[in-house]
């Protein structure tokens, strides 16, 4: 799986020589729209896709969670590693992605 080797400007032709899966990190890709484009290109090149994260708040995890139906693998537990996450929204509990039912990305500030 191409993780740090994959950058948004990396050609898929060169990746396919060494990898069969790429890991997209929403923050590094530039957001949801660029990530959608990357997913489409990866699938067109017969690459599997994982949506991953760094240690991010629930804001970043909630944004990435909307892409889960489009990918093959998911690693969105970054907010679980934070002692003081300032938001609530979509989350990972016991290995399951739980999407918020609020409008938009479903994010709100913790009180």
PDB file of N, CA and C in Angstrom:
ATOM      1  N   UNK A   1       0.844  -1.174   0.000  1.00  0.00           N
ATOM      2  CA  UNK A   1       0.000   0.000   0.000  1.00  0.00           C
ATOM      3  C   UNK A   1       0.890   1.238   0.000  1.00  0.00           C
ATOM      4  N   UNK A   2       0.641   2.133  -0.918  1.00  0.00           N
ATOM      5  CA  UNK A   2       1.382   3.393  -0.970  1.00  0.00           C
ATOM      6  C   UNK A   2       0.774   4.340   0.051  1.00  0.00           C
ATOM      7  N   UNK A   3       1.543   4.661   1.056  1.00  0.00           N
ATOM      8  CA  UNK A   3       1.086   5.583   2.092  1.00  0.00           C
ATOM      9  C   UNK A   3       1.847   6.890   1.916  1.00  0.00           C
ATOM     10  N   UNK A   4       2.973   7.012   2.562  1.00  0.00           N
ATOM     11  CA  UNK A   4       3.756   8.239   2.422  1.00  0.00           C
ATOM     12  C   UNK A   4       4.367   8.359   1.029  1.00  0.00           C
ATOM     13  N   UNK A   5       4.511   7.242   0.312  1.00  0.00           N
ATOM     14  CA  UNK A   5       5.009   7.303  -1.060  1.00  0.00           C
ATOM     15  C   UNK A   5       3.996   7.952  -1.989  1.00  0.00           C
ATOM     16  N   UNK A   6       2.730   7.925  -1.603  1.00  0.00           N
ATOM     17  CA  UNK A   6       1.704   8.523  -2.459  1.00  0.00           C
ATOM     18  C   UNK A   6       1.510   9.983  -2.089  1.00  0.00           C
ATOM     19  N   UNK A   7       1.699  10.822  -3.067  1.00  0.00           N
ATOM     20  CA  UNK A   7       1.395  12.246  -2.936  1.00  0.00           C
ATOM     21  C   UNK A   7       0.395  12.565  -4.038  1.00  0.00           C
ATOM     22  N   UNK A   8      -0.401  13.588  -3.863  1.00  0.00           N
ATOM     23  CA  UNK A   8      -1.451  13.911  -4.824  1.00  0.00           C
ATOM     24  C   UNK A   8      -0.971  14.070  -6.255  1.00  0.00           C
ATOM     25  N   UNK A   9       0.288  14.459  -6.456  1.00  0.00           N
ATOM     26  CA  UNK A   9       0.791  14.663  -7.810  1.00  0.00           C
ATOM     27  C   UNK A   9       1.543  13.445  -8.357  1.00  0.00           C
ATOM     28  N   UNK A  10       1.579  12.354  -7.599  1.00  0.00           N
ATOM     29  CA  UNK A  10       2.246  11.126  -8.037  1.00  0.00           C
ATOM     30  C   UNK A  10       1.461  10.522  -9.201  1.00  0.00           C
ATOM     31  N   UNK A  11       2.167  10.030 -10.206  1.00  0.00           N
ATOM     32  CA  UNK A  11       1.464   9.409 -11.318  1.00  0.00           C
ATOM     33  C   UNK A  11       1.040   7.994 -10.942  1.00  0.00           C
ATOM     34  N   UNK A  12      -0.137   7.634 -11.370  1.00  0.00           N
ATOM     35  CA  UNK A  12      -0.659   6.312 -11.051  1.00  0.00           C
ATOM     36  C   UNK A  12       0.083   5.230 -11.822  1.00  0.00           C
ATOM     37  N   UNK A  13       0.628   5.586 -12.972  1.00  0.00           N
ATOM     38  CA  UNK A  13       1.405   4.625 -13.750  1.00  0.00           C
ATOM     39  C   UNK A  13       2.610   4.146 -12.950  1.00  0.00           C
ATOM     40  N   UNK A  14       3.319   5.067 -12.307  1.00  0.00           N
ATOM     41  CA  UNK A  14       4.486   4.671 -11.516  1.00  0.00           C
ATOM     42  C   UNK A  14       4.076   3.929 -10.240  1.00  0.00           C
ATOM     43  N   UNK A  15       2.948   4.293  -9.654  1.00  0.00           N
ATOM     44  CA  UNK A  15       2.485   3.601  -8.446  1.00  0.00           C
ATOM     45  C   UNK A  15       2.143   2.149  -8.723  1.00  0.00           C
ATOM     46  N   UNK A  16       1.503   1.895  -9.857  1.00  0.00           N
ATOM     47  CA  UNK A  16       1.056   0.539 -10.179  1.00  0.00           C
ATOM     48  C   UNK A  16       2.215  -0.445 -10.316  1.00  0.00           C
ATOM     49  N   UNK A  17       3.411   0.064 -10.553  1.00  0.00           N
ATOM     50  CA  UNK A  17       4.574  -0.812 -10.659  1.00  0.00           C
ATOM     51  C   UNK A  17       4.955  -1.415  -9.310  1.00  0.00           C
ATOM     52  N   UNK A  18       4.569  -0.737  -8.226  1.00  0.00           N
ATOM     53  CA  UNK A  18       5.018  -1.149  -6.900  1.00  0.00           C
ATOM     54  C   UNK A  18       3.885  -1.434  -5.904  1.00  0.00           C
ATOM     55  N   UNK A  19       2.702  -0.907  -6.165  1.00  0.00           N
ATOM     56  CA  UNK A  19       1.600  -0.988  -5.196  1.00  0.00           C
ATOM     57  C   UNK A  19       0.304  -1.396  -5.890  1.00  0.00           C
ATOM     58  N   UNK A  20      -0.608  -1.956  -5.105  1.00  0.00           N
ATOM     59  CA  UNK A  20      -1.957  -2.217  -5.624  1.00  0.00           C
ATOM     60  C   UNK A  20      -3.016  -1.422  -4.862  1.00  0.00           C
ATOM     61  N   UNK A  21      -2.577  -0.659  -3.856  1.00  0.00           N
ATOM     62  CA  UNK A  21      -3.494   0.127  -3.024  1.00  0.00           C
ATOM     63  C   UNK A  21      -2.836   1.454  -2.677  1.00  0.00           C
ATOM     64  N   UNK A  22      -3.644   2.523  -2.608  1.00  0.00           N
ATOM     65  CA  UNK A  22      -3.137   3.814  -2.136  1.00  0.00           C
ATOM     66  C   UNK A  22      -3.900   4.225  -0.889  1.00  0.00           C
ATOM     67  N   UNK A  23      -3.243   5.002  -0.045  1.00  0.00           N
ATOM     68  CA  UNK A  23      -3.856   5.539   1.165  1.00  0.00           C
ATOM     69  C   UNK A  23      -4.014   7.042   0.977  1.00  0.00           C
ATOM     70  N   UNK A  24      -5.250   7.505   0.936  1.00  0.00           N
ATOM     71  CA  UNK A  24      -5.529   8.930   0.801  1.00  0.00           C
ATOM     72  C   UNK A  24      -5.784   9.508   2.185  1.00  0.00           C
ATOM     73  N   UNK A  25      -5.058  10.529   2.522  1.00  0.00           N
ATOM     74  CA  UNK A  25      -5.307  11.272   3.759  1.00  0.00           C
ATOM     75  C   UNK A  25      -5.903  12.607   3.349  1.00  0.00           C
ATOM     76  N   UNK A  26      -7.119  12.853   3.776  1.00  0.00           N
ATOM     77  CA  UNK A  26      -7.879  14.020   3.348  1.00  0.00           C
ATOM     78  C   UNK A  26      -7.101  15.320   3.518  1.00  0.00           C
ATOM     79  N   UNK A  27      -6.443  15.499   4.634  1.00  0.00           N
ATOM     80  CA  UNK A  27      -5.713  16.728   4.900  1.00  0.00           C
ATOM     81  C   UNK A  27      -4.569  16.897   3.903  1.00  0.00           C
ATOM     82  N   UNK A  28      -3.836  15.827   3.646  1.00  0.00           N
ATOM     83  CA  UNK A  28      -2.714  15.911   2.714  1.00  0.00           C
ATOM     84  C   UNK A  28      -3.183  16.064   1.267  1.00  0.00           C
ATOM     85  N   UNK A  29      -4.361  15.514   0.946  1.00  0.00           N
ATOM     86  CA  UNK A  29      -4.886  15.589  -0.419  1.00  0.00           C
ATOM     87  C   UNK A  29      -5.477  16.956  -0.728  1.00  0.00           C
ATOM     88  N   UNK A  30      -5.817  17.723   0.292  1.00  0.00           N
ATOM     89  CA  UNK A  30      -6.388  19.052   0.063  1.00  0.00           C
ATOM     90  C   UNK A  30      -7.885  19.136   0.266  1.00  0.00           C
ATOM     91  N   UNK A  31      -8.493  18.083   0.821  1.00  0.00           N
ATOM     92  CA  UNK A  31      -9.916  18.140   1.124  1.00  0.00           C
ATOM     93  C   UNK A  31     -10.731  17.072   0.413  1.00  0.00           C
ATOM     94  N   UNK A  32     -12.039  17.229   0.491  1.00  0.00           N
ATOM     95  CA  UNK A  32     -12.963  16.234  -0.057  1.00  0.00           C
ATOM     96  C   UNK A  32     -12.924  16.204  -1.584  1.00  0.00           C
ATOM     97  N   UNK A  33     -12.999  17.363  -2.233  1.00  0.00           N
ATOM     98  CA  UNK A  33     -13.052  17.389  -3.700  1.00  0.00           C
ATOM     99  C   UNK A  33     -11.799  16.804  -4.340  1.00  0.00           C
ATOM    100  N   UNK A  34     -10.593  17.216  -3.926  1.00  0.00           N
ATOM    101  CA  UNK A  34      -9.410  16.572  -4.501  1.00  0.00           C
ATOM    102  C   UNK A  34      -9.360  15.064  -4.204  1.00  0.00           C
ATOM    103  N   UNK A  35      -9.819  14.669  -3.035  1.00  0.00           N
ATOM    104  CA  UNK A  35      -9.832  13.243  -2.682  1.00  0.00           C
ATOM    105  C   UNK A  35     -10.769  12.459  -3.588  1.00  0.00           C
ATOM    106  N   UNK A  36     -11.914  13.043  -3.917  1.00  0.00           N
ATOM    107  CA  UNK A  36     -12.843  12.384  -4.847  1.00  0.00           C
ATOM    108  C   UNK A  36     -12.186  12.174  -6.208  1.00  0.00           C
ATOM    109  N   UNK A  37     -11.449  13.163  -6.680  1.00  0.00           N
ATOM    110  CA  UNK A  37     -10.748  13.039  -7.962  1.00  0.00           C
ATOM    111  C   UNK A  37      -9.689  11.936  -7.901  1.00  0.00           C
ATOM    112  N   UNK A  38      -8.972  11.869  -6.787  1.00  0.00           N
ATOM    113  CA  UNK A  38      -7.942  10.843  -6.619  1.00  0.00           C
ATOM    114  C   UNK A  38      -8.574   9.452  -6.595  1.00  0.00           C
ATOM    115  N   UNK A  39      -9.687   9.307  -5.886  1.00  0.00           N
ATOM    116  CA  UNK A  39     -10.387   8.012  -5.827  1.00  0.00           C
ATOM    117  C   UNK A  39     -10.784   7.577  -7.230  1.00  0.00           C
ATOM    118  N   UNK A  40     -11.344   8.505  -7.996  1.00  0.00           N
ATOM    119  CA  UNK A  40     -11.781   8.188  -9.367  1.00  0.00           C
ATOM    120  C   UNK A  40     -10.598   7.743 -10.226  1.00  0.00           C
ATOM    121  N   UNK A  41      -9.477   8.466 -10.148  1.00  0.00           N
ATOM    122  CA  UNK A  41      -8.290   8.100 -10.934  1.00  0.00           C
ATOM    123  C   UNK A  41      -7.721   6.761 -10.480  1.00  0.00           C
ATOM    124  N   UNK A  42      -7.693   6.541  -9.184  1.00  0.00           N
ATOM    125  CA  UNK A  42      -7.160   5.274  -8.666  1.00  0.00           C
ATOM    126  C   UNK A  42      -7.999   4.103  -9.154  1.00  0.00           C
ATOM    127  N   UNK A  43      -9.309   4.228  -9.053  1.00  0.00           N
ATOM    128  CA  UNK A  43     -10.194   3.148  -9.500  1.00  0.00           C
ATOM    129  C   UNK A  43     -10.048   2.911 -11.003  1.00  0.00           C
ATOM    130  N   UNK A  44      -9.868   3.989 -11.783  1.00  0.00           N
ATOM    131  CA  UNK A  44      -9.663   3.854 -13.235  1.00  0.00           C
ATOM    132  C   UNK A  44      -8.358   3.134 -13.542  1.00  0.00           C
ATOM    133  N   UNK A  45      -7.421   3.175 -12.607  1.00  0.00           N
ATOM    134  CA  UNK A  45      -6.129   2.496 -12.757  1.00  0.00           C
ATOM    135  C   UNK A  45      -6.077   1.169 -12.015  1.00  0.00           C
ATOM    136  N   UNK A  46      -7.242   0.669 -11.653  1.00  0.00           N
ATOM    137  CA  UNK A  46      -7.366  -0.627 -10.965  1.00  0.00           C
ATOM    138  C   UNK A  46      -6.587  -0.703  -9.659  1.00  0.00           C
ATOM    139  N   UNK A  47      -6.525   0.404  -8.956  1.00  0.00           N
ATOM    140  CA  UNK A  47      -5.902   0.442  -7.633  1.00  0.00           C
ATOM    141  C   UNK A  47      -6.991   0.428  -6.571  1.00  0.00           C
ATOM    142  N   UNK A  48      -6.741  -0.260  -5.493  1.00  0.00           N
ATOM    143  CA  UNK A  48      -7.651  -0.192  -4.348  1.00  0.00           C
ATOM    144  C   UNK A  48      -7.323   1.077  -3.580  1.00  0.00           C
ATOM    145  N   UNK A  49      -8.280   1.526  -2.773  1.00  0.00           N
ATOM    146  CA  UNK A  49      -8.132   2.801  -2.072  1.00  0.00           C
ATOM    147  C   UNK A  49      -8.468   2.642  -0.599  1.00  0.00           C
ATOM    148  N   UNK A  50      -7.630   3.239   0.225  1.00  0.00           N
ATOM    149  CA  UNK A  50      -7.922   3.353   1.650  1.00  0.00           C
ATOM    150  C   UNK A  50      -8.042   4.835   1.975  1.00  0.00           C
ATOM    151  N   UNK A  51      -9.024   5.176   2.772  1.00  0.00           N
ATOM    152  CA  UNK A  51      -9.107   6.538   3.309  1.00  0.00           C
ATOM    153  C   UNK A  51      -8.529   6.456   4.710  1.00  0.00           C
ATOM    154  N   UNK A  52      -7.491   7.242   4.945  1.00  0.00           N
ATOM    155  CA  UNK A  52      -6.798   7.210   6.220  1.00  0.00           C
ATOM    156  C   UNK A  52      -6.759   8.596   6.845  1.00  0.00           C
ATOM    157  N   UNK A  53      -6.000   8.714   7.906  1.00  0.00           N
ATOM    158  CA  UNK A  53      -5.908   9.991   8.603  1.00  0.00           C
ATOM    159  C   UNK A  53      -4.603  10.052   9.374  1.00  0.00           C
ATOM    160  N   UNK A  54      -4.364  11.224   9.880  1.00  0.00           N
ATOM    161  CA  UNK A  54      -3.285  11.409  10.836  1.00  0.00           C
ATOM    162  C   UNK A  54      -3.995  11.567  12.185  1.00  0.00           C
ATOM    163  N   UNK A  55      -3.318  12.065  13.183  1.00  0.00           N
ATOM    164  CA  UNK A  55      -4.015  12.335  14.442  1.00  0.00           C
ATOM    165  C   UNK A  55      -4.804  13.622  14.227  1.00  0.00           C
ATOM    166  N   UNK A  56      -6.083  13.493  13.980  1.00  0.00           N
ATOM    167  CA  UNK A  56      -6.947  14.612  13.619  1.00  0.00           C
ATOM    168  C   UNK A  56      -8.150  14.658  14.540  1.00  0.00           C
ATOM    169  N   UNK A  57      -8.719  15.829  14.635  1.00  0.00           N
ATOM    170  CA  UNK A  57      -9.928  15.977  15.443  1.00  0.00           C
ATOM    171  C   UNK A  57     -11.110  15.328  14.726  1.00  0.00           C
ATOM    172  N   UNK A  58     -12.221  15.315  15.390  1.00  0.00           N
ATOM    173  CA  UNK A  58     -13.452  14.795  14.811  1.00  0.00           C
ATOM    174  C   UNK A  58     -13.847  15.568  13.559  1.00  0.00           C
ATOM    175  N   UNK A  59     -13.415  16.802  13.429  1.00  0.00           N
ATOM    176  CA  UNK A  59     -13.712  17.583  12.217  1.00  0.00           C
ATOM    177  C   UNK A  59     -13.125  16.878  10.992  1.00  0.00           C
ATOM    178  N   UNK A  60     -11.848  16.541  11.063  1.00  0.00           N
ATOM    179  CA  UNK A  60     -11.201  15.852   9.940  1.00  0.00           C
ATOM    180  C   UNK A  60     -11.744  14.461   9.719  1.00  0.00           C
ATOM    181  N   UNK A  61     -12.019  13.754  10.786  1.00  0.00           N
ATOM    182  CA  UNK A  61     -12.555  12.392  10.672  1.00  0.00           C
ATOM    183  C   UNK A  61     -13.946  12.425  10.055  1.00  0.00           C
ATOM    184  N   UNK A  62     -14.773  13.378  10.462  1.00  0.00           N
ATOM    185  CA  UNK A  62     -16.136  13.481   9.917  1.00  0.00           C
ATOM    186  C   UNK A  62     -16.110  13.793   8.427  1.00  0.00           C
ATOM    187  N   UNK A  63     -15.183  14.635   8.007  1.00  0.00           N
ATOM    188  CA  UNK A  63     -15.060  14.953   6.583  1.00  0.00           C
ATOM    189  C   UNK A  63     -14.637  13.719   5.801  1.00  0.00           C
ATOM    190  N   UNK A  64     -13.658  12.994   6.294  1.00  0.00           N
ATOM    191  CA  UNK A  64     -13.182  11.789   5.604  1.00  0.00           C
ATOM    192  C   UNK A  64     -14.243  10.687   5.605  1.00  0.00           C
ATOM    193  N   UNK A  65     -15.046  10.636   6.638  1.00  0.00           N
ATOM    194  CA  UNK A  65     -16.056   9.572   6.767  1.00  0.00           C
ATOM    195  C   UNK A  65     -17.072   9.585   5.633  1.00  0.00           C
ATOM    196  N   UNK A  66     -17.323  10.737   5.030  1.00  0.00           N
ATOM    197  CA  UNK A  66     -18.294  10.780   3.930  1.00  0.00           C
ATOM    198  C   UNK A  66     -17.789  10.037   2.696  1.00  0.00           C
ATOM    199  N   UNK A  67     -16.478   9.761   2.631  1.00  0.00           N
ATOM    200  CA  UNK A  67     -15.903   9.049   1.491  1.00  0.00           C
ATOM    201  C   UNK A  67     -15.866   7.538   1.684  1.00  0.00           C
ATOM    202  N   UNK A  68     -16.202   7.077   2.874  1.00  0.00           N
ATOM    203  CA  UNK A  68     -16.103   5.655   3.200  1.00  0.00           C
ATOM    204  C   UNK A  68     -16.820   4.743   2.190  1.00  0.00           C
ATOM    205  N   UNK A  69     -18.018   5.072   1.711  1.00  0.00           N
ATOM    206  CA  UNK A  69     -18.672   4.160   0.760  1.00  0.00           C
ATOM    207  C   UNK A  69     -17.926   3.990  -0.572  1.00  0.00           C
ATOM    208  N   UNK A  70     -16.982   4.881  -0.853  1.00  0.00           N
ATOM    209  CA  UNK A  70     -16.282   4.857  -2.137  1.00  0.00           C
ATOM    210  C   UNK A  70     -14.948   4.113  -2.104  1.00  0.00           C
ATOM    211  N   UNK A  71     -14.519   3.684  -0.927  1.00  0.00           N
ATOM    212  CA  UNK A  71     -13.179   3.107  -0.798  1.00  0.00           C
ATOM    213  C   UNK A  71     -13.232   1.648  -0.340  1.00  0.00           C
ATOM    214  N   UNK A  72     -12.068   1.012  -0.392  1.00  0.00           N
ATOM    215  CA  UNK A  72     -11.967  -0.403  -0.043  1.00  0.00           C
ATOM    216  C   UNK A  72     -11.588  -0.637   1.412  1.00  0.00           C
ATOM    217  N   UNK A  73     -10.800   0.278   1.972  1.00  0.00           N
ATOM    218  CA  UNK A  73     -10.310   0.152   3.340  1.00  0.00           C
ATOM    219  C   UNK A  73     -10.429   1.488   4.054  1.00  0.00           C
ATOM    220  N   UNK A  74     -10.538   1.407   5.379  1.00  0.00           N
ATOM    221  CA  UNK A  74     -10.728   2.618   6.174  1.00  0.00           C
ATOM    222  C   UNK A  74      -9.841   2.577   7.415  1.00  0.00           C
ATOM    223  N   UNK A  75      -9.198   3.710   7.704  1.00  0.00           N
ATOM    224  CA  UNK A  75      -8.428   3.875   8.943  1.00  0.00           C
ATOM    225  C   UNK A  75      -8.660   5.295   9.434  1.00  0.00           C
ATOM    226  N   UNK A  76      -9.715   5.478  10.195  1.00  0.00           N
ATOM    227  CA  UNK A  76     -10.119   6.819  10.639  1.00  0.00           C
ATOM    228  C   UNK A  76     -10.220   6.910  12.157  1.00  0.00           C
ATOM    229  N   UNK A  77      -9.223   6.402  12.841  1.00  0.00           N
ATOM    230  CA  UNK A  77      -9.272   6.422  14.302  1.00  0.00           C
ATOM    231  C   UNK A  77      -8.457   7.551  14.923  1.00  0.00           C
ATOM    232  N   UNK A  78      -8.000   8.500  14.132  1.00  0.00           N
ATOM    233  CA  UNK A  78      -7.130   9.569  14.624  1.00  0.00           C
ATOM    234  C   UNK A  78      -7.694  10.361  15.783  1.00  0.00           C
ATOM    235  N   UNK A  79      -8.979  10.653  15.758  1.00  0.00           N
ATOM    236  CA  UNK A  79      -9.587  11.431  16.850  1.00  0.00           C
ATOM    237  C   UNK A  79      -9.624  10.634  18.152  1.00  0.00           C
ATOM    238  N   UNK A  80      -9.617   9.315  18.051  1.00  0.00           N
ATOM    239  CA  UNK A  80      -9.619   8.489  19.271  1.00  0.00           C
ATOM    240  C   UNK A  80      -8.321   8.634  20.058  1.00  0.00           C
ATOM    241  N   UNK A  81      -7.297   9.168  19.420  1.00  0.00           N
ATOM    242  CA  UNK A  81      -6.001   9.329  20.067  1.00  0.00           C
ATOM    243  C   UNK A  81      -5.855  10.684  20.761  1.00  0.00           C
ATOM    244  N   UNK A  82      -6.852  11.553  20.618  1.00  0.00           N
ATOM    245  CA  UNK A  82      -6.793  12.891  21.210  1.00  0.00           C
ATOM    246  C   UNK A  82      -7.409  12.908  22.602  1.00  0.00           C
ATOM    247  N   UNK A  83      -6.711  13.525  23.536  1.00  0.00           N
ATOM    248  CA  UNK A  83      -7.241  13.657  24.893  1.00  0.00           C
ATOM    249  C   UNK A  83      -8.311  14.735  24.958  1.00  0.00           C
ATOM    250  N   UNK A  84      -8.193  15.773  24.131  1.00  0.00           N
ATOM    251  CA  UNK A  84      -9.110  16.907  24.201  1.00  0.00           C
ATOM    252  C   UNK A  84      -9.673  17.275  22.838  1.00  0.00           C
ATOM    253  N   UNK A  85     -10.410  16.382  22.244  1.00  0.00           N
ATOM    254  CA  UNK A  85     -11.065  16.689  20.970  1.00  0.00           C
ATOM    255  C   UNK A  85     -12.136  17.733  21.237  1.00  0.00           C
ATOM    256  N   UNK A  86     -12.166  18.783  20.433  1.00  0.00           N
ATOM    257  CA  UNK A  86     -13.078  19.905  20.679  1.00  0.00           C
ATOM    258  C   UNK A  86     -14.419  19.773  19.966  1.00  0.00           C
ATOM    259  N   UNK A  87     -14.590  18.722  19.178  1.00  0.00           N
ATOM    260  CA  UNK A  87     -15.815  18.586  18.395  1.00  0.00           C
ATOM    261  C   UNK A  87     -16.401  17.196  18.554  1.00  0.00           C
ATOM    262  N   UNK A  88     -17.644  17.073  18.135  1.00  0.00           N
ATOM    263  CA  UNK A  88     -18.279  15.766  18.042  1.00  0.00           C
ATOM    264  C   UNK A  88     -18.958  15.673  16.683  1.00  0.00           C
ATOM    265  N   UNK A  89     -19.071  14.461  16.188  1.00  0.00           N
ATOM    266  CA  UNK A  89     -19.644  14.230  14.858  1.00  0.00           C
ATOM    267  C   UNK A  89     -19.520  12.760  14.534  1.00  0.00           C
ATOM    268  N   UNK A  90     -19.131  12.442  13.305  1.00  0.00           N
ATOM    269  CA  UNK A  90     -18.901  11.048  12.935  1.00  0.00           C
ATOM    270  C   UNK A  90     -17.728  10.517  13.742  1.00  0.00           C
ATOM    271  N   UNK A  91     -17.749   9.219  14.015  1.00  0.00           N
ATOM    272  CA  UNK A  91     -16.683   8.662  14.858  1.00  0.00           C
ATOM    273  C   UNK A  91     -16.502   7.178  14.565  1.00  0.00           C
ATOM    274  N   UNK A  92     -15.458   6.634  15.167  1.00  0.00           N
ATOM    275  CA  UNK A  92     -15.187   5.206  15.086  1.00  0.00           C
ATOM    276  C   UNK A  92     -15.326   4.637  16.492  1.00  0.00           C
ATOM    277  N   UNK A  93     -16.225   3.660  16.639  1.00  0.00           N
ATOM    278  CA  UNK A  93     -16.408   2.991  17.925  1.00  0.00           C
ATOM    279  C   UNK A  93     -16.429   1.492  17.696  1.00  0.00           C
ATOM    280  N   UNK A  94     -15.553   0.807  18.409  1.00  0.00           N
ATOM    281  CA  UNK A  94     -15.441  -0.652  18.305  1.00  0.00           C
ATOM    282  C   UNK A  94     -15.296  -1.099  16.849  1.00  0.00           C
ATOM    283  N   UNK A  95     -14.494  -0.336  16.088  1.00  0.00           N
ATOM    284  CA  UNK A  95     -14.206  -0.706  14.713  1.00  0.00           C
ATOM    285  C   UNK A  95     -15.263  -0.349  13.692  1.00  0.00           C
ATOM    286  N   UNK A  96     -16.310   0.347  14.106  1.00  0.00           N
ATOM    287  CA  UNK A  96     -17.388   0.714  13.184  1.00  0.00           C
ATOM    288  C   UNK A  96     -17.404   2.220  12.970  1.00  0.00           C
ATOM    289  N   UNK A  97     -17.631   2.644  11.736  1.00  0.00           N
ATOM    290  CA  UNK A  97     -17.781   4.056  11.412  1.00  0.00           C
ATOM    291  C   UNK A  97     -19.227   4.438  11.719  1.00  0.00           C
ATOM    292  N   UNK A  98     -19.405   5.365  12.628  1.00  0.00           N
ATOM    293  CA  UNK A  98     -20.745   5.843  12.984  1.00  0.00           C
ATOM    294  C   UNK A  98     -20.889   7.262  12.446  1.00  0.00           C
ATOM    295  N   UNK A  99     -21.716   7.404  11.427  1.00  0.00           N
ATOM    296  CA  UNK A  99     -21.921   8.714  10.819  1.00  0.00           C
ATOM    297  C   UNK A  99     -22.912   9.533  11.638  1.00  0.00           C
ATOM    298  N   UNK A 100     -22.631  10.810  11.734  1.00  0.00           N
ATOM    299  CA  UNK A 100     -23.543  11.716  12.418  1.00  0.00           C
ATOM    300  C   UNK A 100     -24.810  11.862  11.586  1.00  0.00           C
ATOM    301  N   UNK A 101     -25.931  12.061  12.232  1.00  0.00           N
ATOM    302  CA  UNK A 101     -27.187  12.271  11.507  1.00  0.00           C
ATOM    303  C   UNK A 101     -27.541  13.750  11.396  1.00  0.00           C
ATOM    304  N   UNK A 102     -26.615  14.620  11.798  1.00  0.00           N
ATOM    305  CA  UNK A 102     -26.842  16.063  11.681  1.00  0.00           C
ATOM    306  C   UNK A 102     -26.551  16.519  10.251  1.00  0.00           C
ATOM    307  N   UNK A 103     -27.049  17.690   9.859  1.00  0.00           N
ATOM    308  CA  UNK A 103     -26.823  18.183   8.486  1.00  0.00           C
ATOM    309  C   UNK A 103     -25.339  18.399   8.179  1.00  0.00           C
ATOM    310  N   UNK A 104     -25.017  18.406   6.899  1.00  0.00           N
ATOM    311  CA  UNK A 104     -23.644  18.639   6.458  1.00  0.00           C
ATOM    312  C   UNK A 104     -22.747  17.516   6.916  1.00  0.00           C
ATOM    313  N   UNK A 105     -21.593  17.873   7.451  1.00  0.00           N
ATOM    314  CA  UNK A 105     -20.677  16.857   7.965  1.00  0.00           C
ATOM    315  C   UNK A 105     -21.085  16.394   9.355  1.00  0.00           C
ATOM    316  N   UNK A 106     -22.098  16.996   9.946  1.00  0.00           N
ATOM    317  CA  UNK A 106     -22.603  16.561  11.242  1.00  0.00           C
ATOM    318  C   UNK A 106     -21.736  16.927  12.420  1.00  0.00           C
ATOM    319  N   UNK A 107     -20.994  18.006  12.283  1.00  0.00           N
ATOM    320  CA  UNK A 107     -20.051  18.399  13.317  1.00  0.00           C
ATOM    321  C   UNK A 107     -20.677  19.460  14.226  1.00  0.00           C
ATOM    322  N   UNK A 108     -20.413  19.339  15.510  1.00  0.00           N
ATOM    323  CA  UNK A 108     -20.763  20.394  16.454  1.00  0.00           C
ATOM    324  C   UNK A 108     -19.667  20.483  17.501  1.00  0.00           C
ATOM    325  N   UNK A 109     -19.575  21.623  18.146  1.00  0.00           N
ATOM    326  CA  UNK A 109     -18.570  21.800  19.208  1.00  0.00           C
ATOM    327  C   UNK A 109     -19.039  21.126  20.478  1.00  0.00           C
ATOM    328  N   UNK A 110     -18.100  20.532  21.183  1.00  0.00           N
ATOM    329  CA  UNK A 110     -18.427  19.954  22.494  1.00  0.00           C
ATOM    330  C   UNK A 110     -18.635  21.092  23.471  1.00  0.00           C
ATOM    331  N   UNK A 111     -19.505  20.867  24.414  1.00  0.00           N
ATOM    332  CA  UNK A 111     -19.767  21.891  25.435  1.00  0.00           C
ATOM    333  C   UNK A 111     -19.033  21.569  26.694  1.00  0.00           C
TER     334      UNK A 111
END
